[in-house]
N, C-alpha and C. Protein backbone atom coordinates (compact mmCIF):
# COMPACT_ATOMS: atom_id res chain seq x y z
N MET A 1 89.38 129.75 143.06
CA MET A 1 88.85 130.08 141.85
C MET A 1 87.38 129.77 141.72
N SER A 2 86.45 130.45 141.56
CA SER A 2 85.21 130.06 141.29
C SER A 2 84.67 130.23 139.99
N ILE A 3 83.42 129.64 139.64
CA ILE A 3 82.95 129.57 138.44
C ILE A 3 82.75 130.96 137.70
N THR A 4 82.48 131.94 138.64
CA THR A 4 81.99 133.32 138.11
C THR A 4 83.49 133.85 137.54
N SER A 5 84.50 133.50 138.00
CA SER A 5 85.69 134.17 137.56
C SER A 5 86.13 133.53 136.06
N LEU A 6 85.67 132.44 135.82
CA LEU A 6 85.88 131.79 134.48
C LEU A 6 84.76 132.19 133.44
N LEU A 7 83.68 132.82 133.85
CA LEU A 7 82.69 133.15 132.84
C LEU A 7 83.27 134.29 132.03
N PRO A 8 82.69 134.16 130.72
CA PRO A 8 83.17 135.39 129.83
C PRO A 8 82.54 136.80 130.23
N VAL A 9 81.29 136.77 130.95
CA VAL A 9 80.68 137.89 131.30
C VAL A 9 80.89 138.14 132.85
N ARG A 10 81.44 139.21 133.17
CA ARG A 10 81.71 139.51 134.70
C ARG A 10 80.28 140.05 135.38
N ILE A 11 79.98 139.11 136.39
CA ILE A 11 78.74 139.53 137.09
C ILE A 11 79.26 140.07 138.44
N ALA A 12 78.77 141.24 138.78
CA ALA A 12 79.22 141.84 140.01
C ALA A 12 78.21 141.38 141.09
N TRP A 13 78.83 141.09 142.25
CA TRP A 13 78.05 140.84 143.46
C TRP A 13 77.67 141.95 144.06
N ARG A 14 76.26 141.92 144.51
CA ARG A 14 75.70 143.02 145.27
C ARG A 14 76.13 143.03 146.66
N ASP A 15 76.29 144.25 147.19
CA ASP A 15 76.56 144.30 148.51
C ASP A 15 75.51 144.16 149.34
N ARG A 16 74.40 144.54 148.96
CA ARG A 16 73.22 144.54 149.89
C ARG A 16 72.53 143.18 149.63
N PRO A 17 71.72 142.91 150.64
CA PRO A 17 71.18 141.69 150.91
C PRO A 17 69.83 141.77 149.95
N THR A 18 69.62 140.41 149.29
CA THR A 18 68.40 140.48 148.51
C THR A 18 67.16 140.08 149.34
N GLY A 19 66.21 141.08 149.11
CA GLY A 19 64.99 140.80 149.79
C GLY A 19 63.87 140.14 148.90
N LYS A 20 62.75 140.06 149.52
CA LYS A 20 61.71 139.35 148.56
C LYS A 20 61.41 139.95 147.30
N HIS A 21 61.69 141.33 147.31
CA HIS A 21 61.27 141.89 145.76
C HIS A 21 62.53 141.70 145.04
N ARG A 22 63.62 141.14 145.60
CA ARG A 22 64.89 141.13 144.59
C ARG A 22 65.14 139.65 144.26
N GLU A 23 64.17 138.65 144.46
CA GLU A 23 64.23 137.23 144.21
C GLU A 23 64.54 137.09 142.60
N SER A 24 63.72 137.88 141.89
CA SER A 24 63.92 137.65 140.46
C SER A 24 65.33 138.06 139.93
N ASP A 25 65.96 139.14 140.65
CA ASP A 25 67.53 139.27 140.36
C ASP A 25 68.29 137.95 140.74
N ALA A 26 68.11 137.34 141.77
CA ALA A 26 68.86 136.07 142.06
C ALA A 26 68.53 135.07 141.02
N ILE A 27 67.47 134.98 140.61
CA ILE A 27 66.99 133.97 139.65
C ILE A 27 67.85 134.23 138.46
N ASP A 28 67.79 135.61 137.92
CA ASP A 28 68.50 136.02 136.65
C ASP A 28 70.09 135.80 136.89
N LEU A 29 70.40 136.07 137.99
CA LEU A 29 72.12 135.73 138.30
C LEU A 29 72.42 134.47 138.13
N LEU A 30 71.75 133.59 138.78
CA LEU A 30 71.76 132.06 138.50
C LEU A 30 71.64 131.60 137.24
N GLN A 31 70.51 132.03 136.48
CA GLN A 31 70.36 131.62 135.02
C GLN A 31 71.72 132.04 134.24
N CYS A 32 72.25 133.30 134.41
CA CYS A 32 73.42 133.85 133.71
C CYS A 32 74.70 132.83 134.07
N LYS A 33 74.80 132.48 135.39
CA LYS A 33 75.85 131.67 135.61
C LYS A 33 75.66 130.30 134.99
N LEU A 34 74.49 129.76 134.78
CA LEU A 34 74.27 128.63 134.17
C LEU A 34 74.62 128.78 132.77
N ALA A 35 74.15 129.66 132.04
CA ALA A 35 74.46 129.98 130.70
C ALA A 35 76.13 130.11 130.49
N GLY A 36 76.74 130.80 131.47
CA GLY A 36 78.14 130.87 131.25
C GLY A 36 78.58 129.63 131.58
N ALA A 37 78.27 128.76 132.50
CA ALA A 37 78.79 127.44 132.70
C ALA A 37 78.70 126.52 131.58
N ARG A 38 77.59 126.53 130.89
CA ARG A 38 77.18 125.81 129.51
C ARG A 38 78.31 126.18 128.40
N LEU A 39 78.60 127.54 128.29
CA LEU A 39 79.51 127.91 127.29
C LEU A 39 80.85 127.44 127.57
N LEU A 40 81.13 127.66 129.02
CA LEU A 40 82.63 127.17 129.40
C LEU A 40 82.73 125.48 129.04
N ILE A 41 81.58 124.81 129.38
CA ILE A 41 81.81 123.27 128.99
C ILE A 41 81.65 123.06 127.68
N LYS A 42 80.87 123.92 126.69
CA LYS A 42 81.02 123.63 125.48
C LYS A 42 82.49 123.91 124.83
N GLY A 43 83.07 125.09 125.41
CA GLY A 43 84.42 125.41 124.89
C GLY A 43 85.47 124.34 125.29
N LEU A 44 85.24 123.80 126.56
CA LEU A 44 86.26 122.75 126.95
C LEU A 44 86.00 121.57 126.06
N ARG A 45 84.76 121.15 125.79
CA ARG A 45 84.64 119.98 124.89
C ARG A 45 85.01 120.15 123.37
N LEU A 46 85.07 121.38 123.09
CA LEU A 46 85.64 121.84 121.69
C LEU A 46 87.17 121.64 121.68
N GLN A 47 87.82 122.12 122.79
CA GLN A 47 89.07 121.87 122.96
C GLN A 47 89.55 120.26 123.09
N LEU A 48 88.75 119.72 123.97
CA LEU A 48 88.93 118.16 124.11
C LEU A 48 88.93 117.57 122.74
N ASP A 49 88.00 117.98 121.82
CA ASP A 49 87.73 117.20 120.57
C ASP A 49 88.98 117.66 119.67
N ASP A 50 89.46 118.95 119.73
CA ASP A 50 90.53 119.16 118.84
C ASP A 50 91.80 118.31 119.38
N LYS A 51 92.06 118.24 120.67
CA LYS A 51 93.27 117.53 121.24
C LYS A 51 93.06 115.92 120.72
N ASP A 52 91.71 115.50 120.85
CA ASP A 52 91.53 114.09 120.51
C ASP A 52 91.98 113.87 118.97
N ARG A 53 91.53 114.67 118.02
CA ARG A 53 91.94 114.81 116.69
C ARG A 53 93.47 114.83 116.37
N GLU A 54 94.14 115.78 117.19
CA GLU A 54 95.51 115.83 117.13
C GLU A 54 96.31 114.50 117.63
N HIS A 55 95.82 114.00 118.67
CA HIS A 55 96.20 112.56 119.32
C HIS A 55 96.00 111.50 118.11
N ALA A 56 94.92 111.50 117.56
CA ALA A 56 94.57 110.49 116.41
C ALA A 56 95.60 110.63 115.45
N GLU A 57 95.80 111.91 115.07
CA GLU A 57 96.63 111.94 113.87
C GLU A 57 98.05 111.63 114.15
N VAL A 58 98.63 111.97 115.45
CA VAL A 58 99.90 111.41 115.83
C VAL A 58 100.12 109.95 115.96
N VAL A 59 98.90 109.37 116.44
CA VAL A 59 98.98 107.81 116.60
C VAL A 59 98.91 107.25 115.24
N ALA A 60 98.08 107.84 114.35
CA ALA A 60 98.29 107.32 112.92
C ALA A 60 99.53 107.39 112.23
N ARG A 61 100.47 108.61 112.47
CA ARG A 61 101.69 108.57 111.88
C ARG A 61 102.42 107.68 112.61
N ILE A 62 102.50 107.49 113.76
CA ILE A 62 103.32 106.53 114.45
C ILE A 62 102.94 104.95 114.04
N ASP A 63 101.70 104.82 113.84
CA ASP A 63 101.28 103.45 113.36
C ASP A 63 101.86 103.31 111.74
N GLU A 64 101.78 104.25 111.00
CA GLU A 64 102.43 104.20 109.57
C GLU A 64 103.83 104.01 109.68
N ARG A 65 104.66 104.81 110.50
CA ARG A 65 106.16 104.66 110.46
C ARG A 65 106.41 103.28 111.21
N HIS A 66 105.65 102.79 112.08
CA HIS A 66 106.05 101.46 112.56
C HIS A 66 105.59 100.41 111.54
N GLY A 67 104.63 100.52 110.54
CA GLY A 67 104.37 99.64 109.59
C GLY A 67 105.43 99.53 108.60
N GLU A 68 106.08 100.68 108.22
CA GLU A 68 107.22 100.96 107.18
C GLU A 68 108.37 100.09 107.78
N VAL A 69 108.79 100.29 109.03
CA VAL A 69 109.79 99.77 109.90
C VAL A 69 109.64 98.24 109.70
N VAL A 70 108.35 97.61 110.05
CA VAL A 70 108.21 96.37 110.03
C VAL A 70 108.22 95.77 108.77
N ARG A 71 107.64 96.50 107.71
CA ARG A 71 107.86 95.86 106.37
C ARG A 71 109.30 95.73 105.84
N GLY A 72 110.11 96.84 106.45
CA GLY A 72 111.66 96.80 106.02
C GLY A 72 112.26 95.54 106.77
N LEU A 73 111.96 95.29 107.77
CA LEU A 73 112.49 94.27 108.81
C LEU A 73 112.00 92.83 108.08
N GLU A 74 110.89 92.80 107.61
CA GLU A 74 110.24 91.48 106.96
C GLU A 74 111.05 91.19 105.82
N GLN A 75 111.37 92.25 105.01
CA GLN A 75 112.09 92.17 103.71
C GLN A 75 113.42 91.76 104.11
N GLN A 76 114.01 92.32 104.93
CA GLN A 76 115.46 91.89 105.28
C GLN A 76 115.43 90.45 105.77
N ILE A 77 114.41 89.92 106.75
CA ILE A 77 114.43 88.77 107.06
C ILE A 77 114.21 87.70 105.82
N ALA A 78 113.30 88.16 105.02
CA ALA A 78 113.17 87.21 103.77
C ALA A 78 114.43 87.22 103.03
N GLU A 79 115.26 88.20 102.84
CA GLU A 79 116.44 88.07 101.99
C GLU A 79 117.47 87.18 102.81
N LEU A 80 117.56 87.28 104.10
CA LEU A 80 118.27 86.47 104.86
C LEU A 80 117.95 84.88 104.73
N GLU A 81 116.82 84.67 104.87
CA GLU A 81 116.14 83.34 104.65
C GLU A 81 116.46 82.83 103.43
N ARG A 82 116.48 83.73 102.42
CA ARG A 82 116.78 83.07 100.83
C ARG A 82 118.25 82.91 100.82
N ARG A 83 118.98 83.76 101.43
CA ARG A 83 120.54 83.59 101.38
C ARG A 83 120.91 82.36 102.06
N LEU A 84 120.24 82.08 103.21
CA LEU A 84 120.64 80.96 104.16
C LEU A 84 120.10 79.61 103.27
N ASP A 85 118.95 79.55 102.55
CA ASP A 85 118.53 78.38 101.71
C ASP A 85 119.62 78.28 100.73
N VAL A 86 120.15 79.29 100.09
CA VAL A 86 121.07 79.20 98.96
C VAL A 86 122.22 78.59 99.50
N GLY A 87 122.87 79.06 100.68
CA GLY A 87 123.99 78.59 101.32
C GLY A 87 123.84 77.11 101.82
N VAL A 88 122.60 76.80 102.45
CA VAL A 88 122.46 75.27 102.64
C VAL A 88 122.52 74.40 101.40
N LYS A 89 122.00 74.81 100.42
CA LYS A 89 121.71 73.94 99.24
C LYS A 89 123.32 73.92 98.51
N ALA A 90 124.03 74.96 98.68
CA ALA A 90 125.25 74.95 98.11
C ALA A 90 126.35 73.96 98.90
N GLU A 91 126.04 74.13 100.11
CA GLU A 91 126.67 73.07 101.19
C GLU A 91 126.50 71.69 100.86
N SER A 92 125.08 71.48 100.71
CA SER A 92 124.79 70.06 100.49
C SER A 92 125.21 69.40 99.17
N VAL A 93 125.47 70.48 98.08
CA VAL A 93 125.93 69.95 96.82
C VAL A 93 127.44 69.62 97.11
N VAL A 94 128.07 70.65 97.72
CA VAL A 94 129.46 70.24 97.93
C VAL A 94 129.85 68.99 98.75
N THR A 95 129.03 68.79 99.73
CA THR A 95 129.21 67.58 100.56
C THR A 95 128.80 66.34 99.64
N ARG A 96 127.88 66.46 98.72
CA ARG A 96 127.63 65.24 97.88
C ARG A 96 128.75 65.06 96.83
N THR A 97 129.48 66.20 96.45
CA THR A 97 130.49 65.84 95.48
C THR A 97 131.80 65.43 96.15
N GLN A 98 131.85 65.65 97.50
CA GLN A 98 132.99 65.30 98.23
C GLN A 98 133.01 63.92 98.76
N GLU A 99 131.77 63.23 98.38
CA GLU A 99 131.53 61.88 98.98
C GLU A 99 132.27 60.80 97.98
N ILE A 100 132.96 61.23 96.97
CA ILE A 100 133.76 60.46 96.09
C ILE A 100 134.97 59.72 96.95
N PRO A 101 135.14 58.40 96.83
CA PRO A 101 135.97 57.71 97.53
C PRO A 101 137.28 58.25 97.01
N VAL A 102 138.24 58.26 97.99
CA VAL A 102 139.71 58.55 97.76
C VAL A 102 140.29 57.31 97.79
N ILE A 103 141.19 57.15 96.80
CA ILE A 103 142.16 55.92 96.76
C ILE A 103 143.40 56.22 97.57
N THR A 104 143.55 55.09 98.39
CA THR A 104 144.72 55.35 99.42
C THR A 104 145.77 54.37 98.84
N PRO A 105 146.91 55.01 98.96
CA PRO A 105 147.54 56.14 99.40
C PRO A 105 147.41 56.82 98.21
N VAL A 106 147.39 58.31 98.36
CA VAL A 106 147.43 59.23 97.15
C VAL A 106 148.86 59.53 96.84
N VAL A 107 148.82 59.21 95.44
CA VAL A 107 150.19 59.63 94.73
C VAL A 107 150.16 60.65 93.72
N PRO A 108 151.08 61.30 93.50
CA PRO A 108 151.09 62.36 92.39
C PRO A 108 150.75 61.57 90.97
N LEU A 109 149.99 62.37 90.14
CA LEU A 109 149.54 61.94 89.00
C LEU A 109 150.66 61.18 88.05
N HIS A 110 151.82 61.62 88.01
CA HIS A 110 152.82 60.93 87.17
C HIS A 110 153.27 59.73 87.74
N GLN A 111 153.09 59.44 88.93
CA GLN A 111 153.40 58.15 89.65
C GLN A 111 152.09 57.16 89.70
N SER A 112 151.05 57.50 89.05
CA SER A 112 150.03 56.64 89.09
C SER A 112 150.12 55.57 88.16
N PRO A 113 149.64 54.31 88.76
CA PRO A 113 149.66 53.08 87.74
C PRO A 113 148.95 53.37 86.50
N MET A 114 148.08 54.27 86.49
CA MET A 114 147.18 54.27 85.30
C MET A 114 147.87 55.31 84.29
N ALA A 115 148.99 56.07 84.76
CA ALA A 115 149.50 57.03 83.95
C ALA A 115 150.53 56.53 83.04
N LYS A 116 150.70 57.01 81.83
CA LYS A 116 151.74 56.44 80.96
C LYS A 116 152.99 57.58 80.87
N ALA A 117 154.19 57.19 80.62
CA ALA A 117 155.16 58.04 80.58
C ALA A 117 154.95 59.03 79.53
N THR A 118 154.57 58.72 78.36
CA THR A 118 154.28 59.73 77.49
C THR A 118 153.07 59.27 76.67
N PRO A 119 152.18 60.12 76.41
CA PRO A 119 151.05 59.69 75.82
C PRO A 119 151.24 59.32 74.42
N SER A 120 150.35 58.51 73.60
CA SER A 120 150.87 58.09 72.26
C SER A 120 150.62 59.46 71.30
N TRP A 121 150.00 60.24 71.58
CA TRP A 121 149.64 61.45 70.66
C TRP A 121 150.80 62.38 71.02
N ALA A 122 151.52 62.32 72.17
CA ALA A 122 152.80 63.25 72.39
C ALA A 122 153.95 62.72 71.98
N LYS A 123 153.90 61.54 71.50
CA LYS A 123 155.32 60.90 71.02
C LYS A 123 155.85 61.70 69.85
N GLN A 124 157.00 62.00 69.67
CA GLN A 124 157.79 62.44 68.56
C GLN A 124 158.07 61.53 67.66
N ASP A 125 157.97 61.83 66.29
CA ASP A 125 158.22 60.98 65.26
C ASP A 125 159.72 60.71 65.50
N GLU A 126 160.27 59.41 65.36
CA GLU A 126 161.53 58.98 65.50
C GLU A 126 162.18 58.87 64.06
N PRO A 127 163.31 59.31 63.97
CA PRO A 127 163.84 59.51 62.61
C PRO A 127 164.08 58.00 61.97
N GLU A 128 163.76 57.79 60.87
CA GLU A 128 163.93 56.51 60.34
C GLU A 128 165.60 56.03 60.18
N PRO A 129 165.75 54.88 60.52
CA PRO A 129 167.23 54.65 60.38
C PRO A 129 167.81 54.66 58.97
N ALA A 130 168.94 55.10 58.74
CA ALA A 130 169.46 55.08 57.46
C ALA A 130 169.81 53.79 56.82
N ALA A 131 169.54 53.59 55.67
CA ALA A 131 169.93 52.18 55.14
C ALA A 131 171.31 52.23 54.19
């Protein structure tokens, strides 16, 4: 494929050889080819610029989506860290409350030496003896 096949204007090659008096035609032909090549280059640059713009838009959309994903993951991480902190604090509170010394041997409450058989407020009034 030659440059002349890509030109918008079809230039016919002459079958006869160019002589001295035909040199201006050869110059015109080369100038026409040059103008066609410049048009071709300009068209290709415009296509390249269009593709660059499309590529930049796609990259921007991908970056935006990745930003959304990263923000979502950061929120999940923050929530999990908050839950972990709450769990750690709750566990430390539980361990502090479990540090109460246990009296050995453990006996049921009704067998405890500090327990009374019947509390004073729960005693029933005894009938007075008859005289």
